[in-house]
Protein backbone atom coordinates (compact mmCIF):
# COMPACT_ATOMS: atom_id res chain seq x y z
CA MET A 1 -38.00 13.91 73.48
CA PRO A 2 -37.34 16.27 70.79
CA ASP A 3 -40.61 18.29 69.37
CA GLY A 4 -41.45 18.23 66.14
CA PRO A 5 -40.80 15.19 63.61
CA VAL A 6 -38.99 12.15 65.10
CA ILE A 7 -38.52 8.36 64.22
CA LEU A 8 -38.39 6.46 67.48
CA VAL A 9 -37.21 3.15 66.87
CA SER A 10 -37.54 0.06 69.56
CA ASN A 11 -36.38 -3.41 69.87
CA HIS A 12 -40.02 -5.35 70.43
CA LEU A 13 -41.16 -7.87 72.63
CA CYS A 14 -44.74 -8.33 72.86
CA GLY A 15 -47.94 -6.98 71.85
CA LEU A 16 -48.17 -4.68 74.78
CA ASP A 17 -44.82 -2.67 73.59
CA PRO A 18 -46.97 0.38 71.61
CA LEU A 19 -48.72 0.89 74.74
CA LEU A 20 -46.16 1.10 77.09
CA ILE A 21 -43.81 3.38 74.44
CA GLN A 22 -46.97 5.31 74.17
CA ALA A 23 -46.98 5.48 78.14
CA SER A 24 -43.64 7.12 78.37
CA VAL A 25 -42.98 9.64 75.73
CA ASN A 26 -45.25 13.12 76.23
CA ARG A 27 -46.47 13.44 72.62
CA PRO A 28 -49.12 11.48 70.47
CA LEU A 29 -47.46 8.71 68.39
CA SER A 30 -48.45 7.09 64.91
CA PHE A 31 -47.04 3.47 64.67
CA LEU A 32 -46.14 1.28 61.45
CA MET A 33 -48.38 -2.12 62.75
CA ALA A 34 -48.48 -5.42 60.45
CA ARG A 35 -51.19 -5.88 58.30
CA GLU A 36 -51.98 -9.10 59.49
CA PHE A 37 -52.77 -7.98 63.09
CA TYR A 38 -54.70 -4.97 61.89
CA VAL A 39 -57.24 -7.36 59.97
CA LYS A 40 -57.19 -10.04 62.46
CA MET A 41 -57.81 -7.50 65.29
CA TRP A 42 -61.03 -6.21 63.59
CA TYR A 43 -62.36 -5.52 66.33
CA ALA A 44 -59.48 -2.75 67.83
CA ARG A 45 -59.28 -1.44 64.42
CA ARG A 46 -60.61 1.84 64.88
CA SER A 47 -58.70 2.40 68.36
CA PHE A 48 -55.60 1.65 65.82
CA ASP A 49 -56.78 4.13 63.44
CA LEU A 50 -57.69 6.77 65.71
CA MET A 51 -53.87 6.14 67.23
CA GLY A 52 -52.69 6.80 63.42
CA ALA A 53 -51.65 2.73 63.13
CA ILE A 54 -49.97 2.46 59.75
CA PRO A 55 -50.39 -1.18 58.53
CA VAL A 56 -47.66 -2.59 56.34
CA ASN A 57 -46.68 -6.10 54.73
CA PRO A 58 -43.93 -8.13 56.89
CA GLY A 59 -41.28 -8.72 54.28
CA GLY A 60 -43.58 -7.25 51.60
CA ALA A 61 -43.86 -4.57 48.93
CA ASN A 62 -44.78 -1.22 51.62
CA LEU A 63 -44.46 1.69 49.29
CA HIS A 64 -47.87 2.96 50.38
CA ALA A 65 -47.01 2.60 53.91
CA LEU A 66 -43.26 4.10 53.83
CA ARG A 67 -45.26 6.96 51.75
CA GLU A 68 -47.35 7.44 54.93
CA ALA A 69 -45.01 6.91 57.25
CA ILE A 70 -42.65 9.61 55.67
CA ASN A 71 -45.69 12.13 55.43
CA VAL A 72 -46.40 11.58 59.27
CA VAL A 73 -42.96 12.75 60.12
CA ARG A 74 -42.36 15.33 57.84
CA VAL A 75 -45.80 17.24 59.06
CA GLY A 76 -43.83 17.23 62.66
CA ASN A 77 -45.27 14.42 64.38
CA ALA A 78 -43.67 11.37 65.83
CA LEU A 79 -43.91 7.84 64.16
CA CYS A 80 -42.73 4.77 66.32
CA LEU A 81 -41.73 1.20 64.52
CA PHE A 82 -40.20 -1.64 65.82
CA PRO A 83 -37.33 -2.53 62.87
CA GLU A 84 -37.17 -6.46 64.28
CA GLY A 85 -40.10 -6.33 62.11
CA ALA A 86 -41.86 -8.79 64.49
CA ALA A 87 -42.70 -9.07 68.30
CA ASN A 88 -40.36 -11.74 70.18
CA PRO A 89 -37.77 -12.68 67.23
CA PRO A 90 -35.89 -15.62 68.14
CA VAL A 91 -32.79 -13.79 68.36
CA PRO A 92 -33.06 -10.48 69.58
CA MET A 93 -31.74 -7.35 67.68
CA ARG A 94 -29.97 -10.01 65.39
CA ARG A 95 -30.55 -8.01 62.25
CA ILE A 96 -32.86 -4.99 61.55
CA LEU A 97 -34.85 -3.64 58.58
CA PRO A 98 -34.06 -0.36 57.02
CA GLY A 99 -37.28 1.26 56.99
CA ALA A 100 -35.93 3.84 59.93
CA ALA A 101 -32.68 4.40 58.50
CA LEU A 102 -34.90 4.76 55.03
CA ILE A 103 -37.96 7.03 56.80
CA ALA A 104 -35.13 9.15 58.52
CA ARG A 105 -33.11 10.00 55.40
CA GLU A 106 -36.01 10.90 53.22
CA SER A 107 -37.74 13.16 56.50
CA GLY A 108 -34.73 14.47 57.77
CA ALA A 109 -35.98 13.52 61.23
CA PRO A 110 -33.94 12.39 64.17
CA VAL A 111 -34.31 9.00 65.09
CA VAL A 112 -34.34 7.89 68.84
CA PRO A 113 -33.49 4.57 70.25
CA LEU A 114 -35.60 3.09 72.66
CA ARG A 115 -35.26 -0.66 74.56
CA VAL A 116 -38.59 -2.54 76.46
CA SER A 117 -37.83 -4.64 78.77
CA GLY A 118 -39.42 -6.42 81.79
CA VAL A 119 -42.28 -7.62 80.08
CA LEU A 120 -42.92 -11.19 78.96
CA ALA A 121 -42.87 -12.25 75.19
CA PHE A 122 -45.95 -13.29 73.99
CA ASP A 123 -47.99 -12.80 70.65
CA HIS A 124 -50.66 -10.37 69.73
CA VAL A 125 -53.21 -13.60 69.69
CA ASP A 126 -52.69 -13.75 73.47
CA LEU A 127 -52.66 -10.30 74.42
CA TRP A 128 -55.33 -10.44 77.09
CA GLN A 129 -53.10 -12.69 79.22
CA ALA A 130 -50.54 -10.18 79.31
CA PHE A 131 -53.09 -7.93 81.81
CA TYR A 132 -53.19 -11.42 84.37
CA ARG A 133 -49.25 -11.47 84.27
CA ARG A 134 -47.14 -9.59 87.29
CA SER A 135 -44.18 -7.37 85.13
CA ARG A 136 -41.87 -4.91 85.63
CA ALA A 137 -42.16 -3.12 82.44
CA GLN A 138 -39.33 -0.45 81.75
CA VAL A 139 -38.64 1.55 78.71
CA VAL A 140 -35.09 3.27 78.00
CA ILE A 141 -35.15 6.09 75.74
CA GLY A 142 -31.60 6.99 74.24
CA LYS A 143 -30.02 9.93 73.10
CA PRO A 144 -31.64 11.52 69.29
CA ILE A 145 -29.27 10.35 66.28
CA GLN A 146 -29.24 12.16 62.88
CA LEU A 147 -28.19 11.09 60.12
CA LEU A 148 -25.75 13.02 58.15
CA ALA A 149 -27.65 14.08 54.83
CA ASP A 150 -24.38 14.51 53.14
CA ALA A 151 -22.76 11.33 53.84
CA GLY A 152 -23.65 9.35 50.45
CA GLU A 153 -26.38 7.24 49.27
CA GLY A 154 -26.88 4.07 48.34
CA ARG A 155 -27.51 0.72 49.72
CA GLU A 156 -24.39 0.46 51.46
CA ARG A 157 -24.94 3.90 52.97
CA LEU A 158 -28.42 2.87 53.97
CA ASP A 159 -26.74 -0.26 55.56
CA ASP A 160 -24.20 1.69 57.40
CA ASP A 161 -27.13 3.75 59.04
CA THR A 162 -29.39 0.99 59.85
CA ARG A 163 -26.16 -0.84 61.78
CA MET A 164 -26.12 2.18 63.62
CA ILE A 165 -29.58 2.03 64.94
CA ARG A 166 -29.45 -1.21 65.85
CA HIS A 167 -26.18 -0.31 67.63
CA ALA A 168 -28.07 2.55 69.86
CA ILE A 169 -30.86 0.11 70.56
CA CYS A 170 -28.62 -2.92 71.93
CA GLU A 171 -26.09 0.23 73.74
CA LEU A 172 -29.49 0.80 75.64
CA ALA A 173 -29.35 -2.74 77.43
CA ARG A 174 -26.63 -1.20 79.78
CA PHE A 175 -29.20 0.72 81.65
CA ASP A 176 -31.52 -2.46 81.78
CA VAL A 177 -31.86 -3.01 85.52
CA HIS A 178 -33.65 -6.46 83.98
CA SER A 179 -30.61 -7.65 82.51
CA ALA A 180 -28.30 -7.75 86.04
C-alpha cells in the first residue's frame, strides 16, 4: 500500500466490506458512505465519524462530499470508496460511477483497486446476521494506477478513466480463490 495520498476502490458485496478492507491495509481509511445508512444507523454514527465516514447521497448532488473526499486525499490520507454506488448490485461491476476518477484527477493521488470475495451478500439493515454466518473473506489488493494528468479533460476522458478503474477491479477476479 503506498504511503501518502491514495484512493482505494473496491467491489461492494455487503456492509462488512469497509471492515474487511480496513483490516487488510496498514493505515487508517476514510470511506464514502450512503447518507441513508449514515442517518438510519444513528447508534453507530459516532463510530462512523471517528472512522472518517463521508456521507453521500446516492445518485444525487454530492458537491460537498466530493470536496471533502478530495481534501482527505490532498492532505495525504487514504480514502476508500465503492464505485458501484451500492452494496450487492444485481449485476456486479456492470457499471461504476466516476467519483474515484474525478477525485484522483483533482488530487493527483494514485488509485488502488481491490476485490472483496468470500462473504455472503446482505444489506446493511441485517448487518448483525453476518457475524453468525461462516465466511471465507478475502481482500485482493491490486497495483496502484496513476491517472495521467496530461491525458486530456472532459467527460470522455473521465469515462475512459472510469472504465480503466472498473477493468482493474475486475482483473483481480483471477486472483480470487472463491471463483475457482
